[in-house]
Amino acid sequence: MVGSVFSPYYARARRRGEGDPENFTALNAALYGQDARRWALTERGRNDVRRAADSLSIGPSAATWDGTTFEIRIDEICTPLPRRLRGVVRVRPEIMPNVAFVLDAAGGHRWIPFGPRARIEVEMRDPELRWSGTGYLDGNAGDVPLERSFAGWDWSRAARRDGAVVLYDVLRRDGSSGSIAAEFRADGTVADFDPPPRAGLPRTGWRIARATRCEAGGAARAVETLEDTPFYARSLVATRLLDEDVVAMHESLSLDRFDTRWVQALLPFRMPRNAR
């Protein structure tokens, strides 16, 4: 993240008129597993950032792109327990649609599906783990703080037999809503489809509301909650889309909750800053 969107330090700097995004960068790495659950999100300053057209270094971690493979070298210290998290993740997109989606009426926020379906290889040294499978590569870009434009959103991405599907439902600050339902096909084409009805999911432990969409004949359910925080939840969700039962990576974000003083006071415990 260049200009870490959830950084309390970046928010304070913006209020002082000192909001240089490169001075508030971070690599977020999260590992989920019964015996190896780890989280790292250390923010760093401009002196720890190196950027080029095909590479980005943030402190000891780095990411590179060679035209076919996005390689992420992770070397971080976890929070709240200070354990190492080191390894390499290689993401090889199978679909590269070269499109971007605007999320708000003013065009201040964009979502870019660089590789909505990809092959991934993970080789971790700390902890010692290795696996491969399917994944995705996407990004968000914005010109104004998220909480200024949105009250919240639900997003999900699922692999299909021959492609991928993404749902994006946003609630904007002006009270309007927006919805993206996109099918990414193996030949690289993108097709919009009518989003099926909303389907509620159980609230998280922090009482964050969650919802997805599900076609008739299917049943939406939360398979596993991976992150449960005061303003954000990441989950695995089962649903039915385009006549296929899928399991999606899902996130729910409450920017109303994020923009409260008590949540802002908690953030440094999960987002330490190490800036020179």
Protein backbone atom coordinates (compact mmCIF):
# COMPACT_ATOMS: atom_id res chain seq x y z
CA MET A 1 0.00 0.00 0.00
CA VAL A 2 1.39 3.38 -1.04
CA GLY A 3 -0.57 5.86 1.04
CA SER A 4 -1.93 3.23 3.45
CA VAL A 5 -5.68 3.83 3.39
CA PHE A 6 -6.31 2.71 6.96
CA SER A 7 -3.27 4.36 8.51
CA PRO A 8 -3.98 6.63 11.51
CA TYR A 9 -0.56 8.26 10.93
CA TYR A 10 -1.46 9.13 7.33
CA ALA A 11 -4.81 10.54 8.48
CA ARG A 12 -3.10 12.82 11.02
CA ALA A 13 -0.57 13.95 8.42
CA ARG A 14 -3.32 14.81 5.95
CA ARG A 15 -5.01 16.97 8.56
CA ARG A 16 -1.71 18.86 8.94
CA GLY A 17 -1.35 19.21 5.16
CA GLU A 18 1.59 16.76 5.10
CA GLY A 19 -0.05 13.80 3.40
CA ASP A 20 2.73 12.54 1.10
CA PRO A 21 1.52 8.99 0.30
CA GLU A 22 5.03 7.59 -0.18
CA ASN A 23 5.78 8.50 3.44
CA PHE A 24 3.04 6.09 4.56
CA THR A 25 3.66 2.77 2.84
CA ALA A 26 3.12 -0.78 4.04
CA LEU A 27 3.09 -4.39 2.95
CA ASN A 28 0.25 -6.34 4.54
CA ALA A 29 0.83 -10.08 4.78
CA ALA A 30 -1.67 -12.42 6.45
CA LEU A 31 -1.26 -16.16 6.88
CA TYR A 32 -4.21 -18.29 7.98
CA GLY A 33 -3.96 -21.80 9.29
CA GLN A 34 -4.70 -23.83 12.37
CA ASP A 35 -1.04 -23.91 13.45
CA ALA A 36 0.42 -20.94 11.58
CA ARG A 37 -1.75 -17.84 11.87
CA ARG A 38 0.28 -14.65 11.43
CA TRP A 39 -0.33 -11.00 10.54
CA ALA A 40 2.09 -8.22 9.56
CA LEU A 41 1.34 -4.61 8.61
CA THR A 42 4.26 -2.32 9.48
CA GLU A 43 4.10 1.15 8.02
CA ARG A 44 7.31 2.71 6.70
CA GLY A 45 8.46 6.13 5.59
CA ARG A 46 9.72 7.50 2.30
CA ASN A 47 13.37 6.54 3.01
CA ASP A 48 12.36 2.86 3.06
CA VAL A 49 10.57 2.95 -0.30
CA ARG A 50 12.06 2.25 -3.73
CA ARG A 51 9.78 2.37 -6.79
CA ALA A 52 10.35 1.59 -10.46
CA ALA A 53 8.09 0.62 -13.35
CA ASP A 54 8.46 -3.09 -12.54
CA SER A 55 9.33 -3.16 -8.83
CA LEU A 56 8.43 -1.82 -5.40
CA SER A 57 10.50 -2.23 -2.24
CA ILE A 58 9.07 -1.42 1.19
CA GLY A 59 11.69 -1.90 3.86
CA PRO A 60 13.01 -5.51 3.71
CA SER A 61 10.07 -6.70 1.57
CA ALA A 62 9.73 -6.25 -2.20
CA ALA A 63 7.52 -7.01 -5.18
CA THR A 64 8.56 -7.34 -8.83
CA TRP A 65 6.75 -7.92 -12.15
CA ASP A 66 8.50 -9.52 -15.16
CA GLY A 67 5.56 -9.51 -17.56
CA THR A 68 4.22 -12.93 -16.56
CA THR A 69 4.86 -13.32 -12.82
CA PHE A 70 4.23 -11.02 -9.89
CA GLU A 71 6.71 -12.05 -7.20
CA ILE A 72 6.34 -10.85 -3.61
CA ARG A 73 9.24 -11.36 -1.22
CA ILE A 74 7.98 -11.03 2.35
CA ASP A 75 10.29 -10.26 5.27
CA GLU A 76 8.22 -8.80 8.08
CA ILE A 77 7.72 -8.84 11.85
CA CYS A 78 4.22 -9.81 12.96
CA THR A 79 1.90 -8.12 15.43
CA PRO A 80 0.75 -8.36 18.14
CA LEU A 81 3.23 -11.20 18.82
CA PRO A 82 6.64 -10.26 17.35
CA ARG A 83 7.32 -13.30 15.16
CA ARG A 84 9.00 -13.41 11.76
CA LEU A 85 7.02 -13.83 8.57
CA ARG A 86 9.31 -14.62 5.63
CA GLY A 87 8.77 -16.23 2.26
CA VAL A 88 8.01 -15.78 -1.42
CA VAL A 89 4.65 -15.66 -3.18
CA ARG A 90 4.52 -15.95 -6.98
CA VAL A 91 1.33 -14.97 -8.77
CA ARG A 92 0.97 -15.84 -12.46
CA PRO A 93 -2.21 -14.33 -13.96
CA GLU A 94 -4.16 -16.59 -16.29
CA ILE A 95 -6.57 -13.78 -17.25
CA MET A 96 -5.42 -10.17 -17.74
CA PRO A 97 -8.46 -8.14 -18.83
CA ASN A 98 -6.86 -4.64 -18.88
CA VAL A 99 -9.93 -2.89 -17.44
CA ALA A 100 -10.71 -0.64 -14.49
CA PHE A 101 -13.99 0.01 -12.70
CA VAL A 102 -14.97 3.40 -11.23
CA LEU A 103 -16.62 3.05 -7.82
CA ASP A 104 -17.97 6.56 -7.22
CA ALA A 105 -19.73 9.22 -9.27
CA ALA A 106 -16.81 11.65 -9.04
CA GLY A 107 -14.30 9.09 -10.36
CA GLY A 108 -12.14 9.39 -7.27
CA HIS A 109 -11.88 5.64 -6.62
CA ARG A 110 -11.03 2.82 -9.01
CA TRP A 111 -10.79 -0.94 -8.73
CA ILE A 112 -8.42 -2.70 -11.15
CA PRO A 113 -8.58 -6.49 -11.66
CA PHE A 114 -5.04 -7.05 -12.92
CA GLY A 115 -5.39 -10.84 -12.79
CA PRO A 116 -8.82 -11.98 -11.56
CA ARG A 117 -7.72 -15.59 -12.02
CA ALA A 118 -4.13 -16.71 -11.44
CA ARG A 119 -1.91 -19.58 -10.40
CA ILE A 120 -0.04 -19.03 -7.16
CA GLU A 121 2.99 -20.64 -5.56
CA VAL A 122 3.81 -20.01 -1.91
CA GLU A 123 7.15 -20.88 -0.33
CA MET A 124 7.40 -19.75 3.30
CA ARG A 125 10.57 -19.98 5.41
CA ASP A 126 9.04 -18.60 8.61
CA PRO A 127 6.88 -20.57 9.26
CA GLU A 128 8.04 -23.40 7.01
CA LEU A 129 5.15 -24.02 4.62
CA ARG A 130 4.66 -24.58 0.91
CA TRP A 131 1.60 -24.88 -1.34
CA SER A 132 0.17 -23.90 -4.73
CA GLY A 133 -3.30 -23.21 -6.06
CA THR A 134 -5.52 -20.56 -7.60
CA GLY A 135 -5.57 -16.91 -6.63
CA TYR A 136 -6.02 -13.42 -7.99
CA LEU A 137 -4.27 -10.07 -8.34
CA ASP A 138 -6.13 -6.77 -8.05
CA GLY A 139 -5.70 -3.25 -6.77
CA ASN A 140 -7.47 -0.10 -5.65
CA ALA A 141 -6.51 3.49 -6.38
CA GLY A 142 -8.05 6.65 -5.01
CA ASP A 143 -7.67 10.42 -4.92
CA VAL A 144 -9.54 11.06 -1.65
CA PRO A 145 -9.85 9.11 1.62
CA LEU A 146 -12.20 6.12 1.45
CA GLU A 147 -14.27 7.28 4.41
CA ARG A 148 -15.03 10.56 2.65
CA SER A 149 -16.63 8.78 -0.32
CA PHE A 150 -18.14 5.59 1.12
CA ALA A 151 -20.08 4.40 4.16
CA GLY A 152 -19.06 0.82 3.43
CA TRP A 153 -18.98 -2.04 0.94
CA ASP A 154 -19.10 -5.78 0.36
CA TRP A 155 -16.74 -7.36 -2.18
CA SER A 156 -16.12 -10.93 -3.24
CA ARG A 157 -14.20 -12.89 -5.86
CA ALA A 158 -14.65 -16.54 -6.77
CA ALA A 159 -12.89 -18.86 -9.21
CA ARG A 160 -15.13 -20.66 -11.70
CA ARG A 161 -14.44 -23.70 -13.86
CA ASP A 162 -13.25 -21.51 -16.73
CA GLY A 163 -12.78 -18.05 -15.25
CA ALA A 164 -13.70 -15.91 -12.28
CA VAL A 165 -16.54 -13.76 -11.03
CA VAL A 166 -16.46 -10.61 -8.88
CA LEU A 167 -19.24 -8.85 -6.95
CA TYR A 168 -18.78 -5.32 -5.61
CA ASP A 169 -21.56 -3.52 -3.71
CA VAL A 170 -20.80 -0.04 -2.39
CA LEU A 171 -22.81 2.38 -0.25
CA ARG A 172 -21.72 5.93 -0.98
CA ARG A 173 -21.70 8.90 1.36
CA ASP A 174 -24.43 10.64 -0.63
CA GLY A 175 -26.76 7.72 0.13
CA SER A 176 -26.58 6.19 -3.34
CA SER A 177 -25.43 2.64 -3.97
CA GLY A 178 -23.45 0.98 -6.72
CA SER A 179 -23.06 -2.61 -7.82
CA ILE A 180 -20.58 -4.44 -10.03
CA ALA A 181 -21.23 -8.01 -11.17
CA ALA A 182 -18.49 -9.04 -13.60
CA GLU A 183 -17.61 -12.34 -15.20
CA PHE A 184 -13.99 -12.73 -16.29
CA ARG A 185 -13.67 -15.35 -19.00
CA ALA A 186 -10.72 -17.53 -19.95
CA ASP A 187 -10.32 -15.73 -23.29
CA GLY A 188 -9.72 -12.43 -21.48
CA THR A 189 -13.13 -10.91 -22.14
CA VAL A 190 -15.26 -9.36 -19.41
CA ALA A 191 -19.05 -9.55 -19.28
CA ASP A 192 -21.40 -7.76 -16.93
CA PHE A 193 -24.37 -9.73 -15.63
CA ASP A 194 -27.45 -8.86 -13.62
CA PRO A 195 -26.49 -9.32 -9.97
CA PRO A 196 -28.70 -11.84 -8.18
CA PRO A 197 -30.58 -10.84 -5.01
CA ARG A 198 -28.72 -9.79 -1.90
CA ALA A 199 -28.25 -12.52 0.69
CA GLY A 200 -27.50 -11.66 4.28
CA LEU A 201 -24.75 -13.40 6.23
CA PRO A 202 -24.27 -13.60 10.01
CA ARG A 203 -22.70 -10.55 11.63
CA THR A 204 -19.14 -10.94 12.85
CA GLY A 205 -18.00 -10.99 16.45
CA TRP A 206 -17.46 -7.23 16.19
CA ARG A 207 -21.02 -6.92 14.81
CA ILE A 208 -19.96 -5.98 11.29
CA ALA A 209 -22.80 -6.59 8.84
CA ARG A 210 -22.02 -8.94 5.95
CA ALA A 211 -23.92 -9.72 2.77
CA THR A 212 -23.34 -11.26 -0.63
CA ARG A 213 -25.52 -12.23 -3.60
CA CYS A 214 -26.92 -15.63 -4.43
CA GLU A 215 -28.96 -17.09 -7.28
CA ALA A 216 -32.17 -19.06 -6.84
CA GLY A 217 -31.46 -22.66 -6.00
CA GLY A 218 -28.38 -21.78 -3.94
CA ALA A 219 -27.81 -20.92 -0.29
CA ALA A 220 -25.27 -18.32 0.81
CA ARG A 221 -23.30 -19.08 3.95
CA ALA A 222 -20.14 -17.98 5.70
CA VAL A 223 -17.71 -20.90 5.57
CA GLU A 224 -15.00 -19.31 7.71
CA THR A 225 -14.23 -15.86 9.11
CA LEU A 226 -10.54 -15.13 8.56
CA GLU A 227 -10.34 -11.56 9.86
CA ASP A 228 -12.73 -10.12 12.42
CA THR A 229 -11.86 -6.52 13.30
CA PRO A 230 -13.90 -3.54 14.54
CA PHE A 231 -14.37 -2.20 11.00
CA TYR A 232 -13.38 -4.95 8.54
CA ALA A 233 -14.11 -8.64 8.01
CA ARG A 234 -12.53 -11.10 5.60
CA SER A 235 -14.34 -14.38 5.08
CA LEU A 236 -14.74 -17.44 2.89
CA VAL A 237 -18.31 -17.48 1.61
CA ALA A 238 -20.20 -20.19 -0.28
CA THR A 239 -22.84 -19.04 -2.76
CA ARG A 240 -24.24 -19.71 -6.25
CA LEU A 241 -23.38 -17.48 -9.21
CA LEU A 242 -23.86 -18.00 -12.97
CA ASP A 243 -25.38 -21.45 -12.37
CA GLU A 244 -22.33 -22.65 -10.46
CA ASP A 245 -21.74 -23.28 -6.76
CA VAL A 246 -18.61 -21.36 -5.75
CA VAL A 247 -16.59 -20.45 -2.68
CA ALA A 248 -15.52 -16.81 -2.69
CA MET A 249 -13.02 -14.68 -0.84
CA HIS A 250 -15.25 -12.02 0.69
CA GLU A 251 -14.72 -8.75 2.53
CA SER A 252 -17.05 -6.39 4.35
CA LEU A 253 -15.88 -2.89 5.22
CA SER A 254 -17.66 -0.42 7.51
CA LEU A 255 -16.15 3.01 6.97
CA ASP A 256 -18.66 4.50 9.39
CA ARG A 257 -17.09 2.32 12.08
CA PHE A 258 -13.55 3.01 10.83
CA ASP A 259 -14.10 6.77 11.14
CA THR A 260 -14.83 6.64 14.88
CA ARG A 261 -12.33 7.85 17.49
CA TRP A 262 -12.23 4.58 19.42
CA VAL A 263 -11.36 2.54 16.31
CA GLN A 264 -8.69 5.04 15.29
CA ALA A 265 -7.17 4.68 18.78
CA LEU A 266 -6.93 0.89 18.36
CA LEU A 267 -5.27 0.88 14.94
CA PRO A 268 -1.63 1.44 16.02
CA PHE A 269 -1.70 -1.90 17.88
CA ARG A 270 -2.13 -3.74 14.57
CA MET A 271 -0.38 -1.16 12.35
CA PRO A 272 2.94 -0.11 13.95
CA ARG A 273 5.02 2.54 12.22
CA ASN A 274 8.75 2.16 11.59
CA ALA A 275 9.94 5.25 9.73
CA ARG A 276 13.42 6.70 9.44
